[in-house]
């Protein structure tokens, strides 16, 4: 996933969130998550021992990406004190 310059906060937050998940995945030994930050792009490499584990980790990563995006958008909309 790549962002334009205005999405730099999103890309950094996304990278940090995905790195945290990659360090301690739910199914240790069954899945491998590699996360790389390349400029304004976050690169994910996902491997799993079965198709169902791969589908599960893909869904988890997509949900996490969506959650990070929602939080960034809502924080940007909230009134400042």
C-alpha atoms as a PDB file:
ATOM      1  CA  UNK A   1       0.000   0.000   0.000  1.00  0.00           C
ATOM      2  CA  UNK A   2       1.398   3.371  -0.984  1.00  0.00           C
ATOM      3  CA  UNK A   3       0.273   6.812   0.083  1.00  0.00           C
ATOM      4  CA  UNK A   4       0.724  10.252  -1.357  1.00  0.00           C
ATOM      5  CA  UNK A   5       2.587  12.904   0.660  1.00  0.00           C
ATOM      6  CA  UNK A   6      -0.610  13.987   2.456  1.00  0.00           C
ATOM      7  CA  UNK A   7      -1.059  10.420   3.755  1.00  0.00           C
ATOM      8  CA  UNK A   8       2.335  10.193   5.436  1.00  0.00           C
ATOM      9  CA  UNK A   9       0.814   9.929   8.936  1.00  0.00           C
ATOM     10  CA  UNK A  10      -1.404   7.084   7.773  1.00  0.00           C
ATOM     11  CA  UNK A  11       1.491   5.176   6.196  1.00  0.00           C
ATOM     12  CA  UNK A  12       3.645   5.528   9.323  1.00  0.00           C
ATOM     13  CA  UNK A  13       0.807   4.517  11.662  1.00  0.00           C
ATOM     14  CA  UNK A  14      -0.042   1.579   9.419  1.00  0.00           C
ATOM     15  CA  UNK A  15       3.566   0.420   9.338  1.00  0.00           C
ATOM     16  CA  UNK A  16       3.888   0.587  13.138  1.00  0.00           C
ATOM     17  CA  UNK A  17       0.623  -1.313  13.606  1.00  0.00           C
ATOM     18  CA  UNK A  18       1.572  -4.040  11.151  1.00  0.00           C
ATOM     19  CA  UNK A  19       5.074  -4.408  12.623  1.00  0.00           C
ATOM     20  CA  UNK A  20       3.529  -5.000  16.051  1.00  0.00           C
ATOM     21  CA  UNK A  21       1.334  -7.767  14.618  1.00  0.00           C
ATOM     22  CA  UNK A  22       4.248  -9.286  12.683  1.00  0.00           C
ATOM     23  CA  UNK A  23       6.376  -9.540  15.841  1.00  0.00           C
ATOM     24  CA  UNK A  24       3.808 -11.677  17.638  1.00  0.00           C
ATOM     25  CA  UNK A  25       1.330 -13.245  15.222  1.00  0.00           C
ATOM     26  CA  UNK A  26      -1.639 -15.184  16.570  1.00  0.00           C
ATOM     27  CA  UNK A  27      -0.538 -18.496  15.007  1.00  0.00           C
ATOM     28  CA  UNK A  28       3.201 -18.676  15.640  1.00  0.00           C
ATOM     29  CA  UNK A  29       4.785 -21.242  13.353  1.00  0.00           C
ATOM     30  CA  UNK A  30       1.781 -21.421  11.072  1.00  0.00           C
ATOM     31  CA  UNK A  31       2.072 -17.973   9.533  1.00  0.00           C
ATOM     32  CA  UNK A  32       4.899 -15.605   8.712  1.00  0.00           C
ATOM     33  CA  UNK A  33       4.310 -11.868   8.370  1.00  0.00           C
ATOM     34  CA  UNK A  34       7.011  -9.608   6.961  1.00  0.00           C
ATOM     35  CA  UNK A  35       6.463  -5.847   6.872  1.00  0.00           C
ATOM     36  CA  UNK A  36       8.689  -3.367   5.077  1.00  0.00           C
ATOM     37  CA  UNK A  37       8.522   0.416   4.754  1.00  0.00           C
ATOM     38  CA  UNK A  38       9.772   1.548   1.365  1.00  0.00           C
ATOM     39  CA  UNK A  39       9.412   5.293   0.965  1.00  0.00           C
ATOM     40  CA  UNK A  40       5.692   5.994   1.268  1.00  0.00           C
ATOM     41  CA  UNK A  41       4.802   2.339   0.691  1.00  0.00           C
ATOM     42  CA  UNK A  42       4.131  -0.447   3.157  1.00  0.00           C
ATOM     43  CA  UNK A  43       4.999  -3.853   1.712  1.00  0.00           C
ATOM     44  CA  UNK A  44       3.489  -6.995   3.242  1.00  0.00           C
ATOM     45  CA  UNK A  45       4.703 -10.531   2.620  1.00  0.00           C
ATOM     46  CA  UNK A  46       2.397 -13.158   4.087  1.00  0.00           C
ATOM     47  CA  UNK A  47       3.026 -16.900   4.184  1.00  0.00           C
ATOM     48  CA  UNK A  48       1.027 -19.662   5.830  1.00  0.00           C
ATOM     49  CA  UNK A  49       1.085 -23.435   6.063  1.00  0.00           C
ATOM     50  CA  UNK A  50      -2.482 -23.844   4.755  1.00  0.00           C
ATOM     51  CA  UNK A  51      -4.919 -21.924   2.593  1.00  0.00           C
ATOM     52  CA  UNK A  52      -7.257 -21.383   5.537  1.00  0.00           C
ATOM     53  CA  UNK A  53      -4.442 -19.899   7.649  1.00  0.00           C
ATOM     54  CA  UNK A  54      -3.433 -17.673   4.737  1.00  0.00           C
ATOM     55  CA  UNK A  55      -7.023 -16.500   4.324  1.00  0.00           C
ATOM     56  CA  UNK A  56      -7.216 -15.784   8.062  1.00  0.00           C
ATOM     57  CA  UNK A  57      -4.015 -13.745   8.134  1.00  0.00           C
ATOM     58  CA  UNK A  58      -5.029 -11.804   5.002  1.00  0.00           C
ATOM     59  CA  UNK A  59      -8.394 -10.982   6.592  1.00  0.00           C
ATOM     60  CA  UNK A  60      -6.681  -9.935   9.820  1.00  0.00           C
ATOM     61  CA  UNK A  61      -4.247  -7.666   8.009  1.00  0.00           C
ATOM     62  CA  UNK A  62      -7.006  -6.090   5.908  1.00  0.00           C
ATOM     63  CA  UNK A  63      -9.096  -5.489   9.021  1.00  0.00           C
ATOM     64  CA  UNK A  64      -6.112  -3.902  10.790  1.00  0.00           C
ATOM     65  CA  UNK A  65      -5.418  -1.669   7.765  1.00  0.00           C
ATOM     66  CA  UNK A  66      -9.070  -0.599   7.743  1.00  0.00           C
ATOM     67  CA  UNK A  67      -9.034   0.092  11.502  1.00  0.00           C
ATOM     68  CA  UNK A  68      -5.882   2.236  11.257  1.00  0.00           C
ATOM     69  CA  UNK A  69      -7.428   4.196   8.374  1.00  0.00           C
ATOM     70  CA  UNK A  70     -10.649   4.774  10.356  1.00  0.00           C
ATOM     71  CA  UNK A  71      -8.763   5.968  13.447  1.00  0.00           C
ATOM     72  CA  UNK A  72      -6.586   8.379  11.431  1.00  0.00           C
ATOM     73  CA  UNK A  73      -9.671   9.788   9.687  1.00  0.00           C
ATOM     74  CA  UNK A  74     -11.641  10.192  12.931  1.00  0.00           C
ATOM     75  CA  UNK A  75      -8.757  11.811  14.772  1.00  0.00           C
ATOM     76  CA  UNK A  76      -8.405  14.244  11.882  1.00  0.00           C
ATOM     77  CA  UNK A  77     -12.111  15.118  12.123  1.00  0.00           C
ATOM     78  CA  UNK A  78     -12.266  15.583  15.903  1.00  0.00           C
ATOM     79  CA  UNK A  79     -12.367  19.156  17.205  1.00  0.00           C
ATOM     80  CA  UNK A  80      -9.159  20.394  18.804  1.00  0.00           C
ATOM     81  CA  UNK A  81      -9.273  21.749  22.345  1.00  0.00           C
END
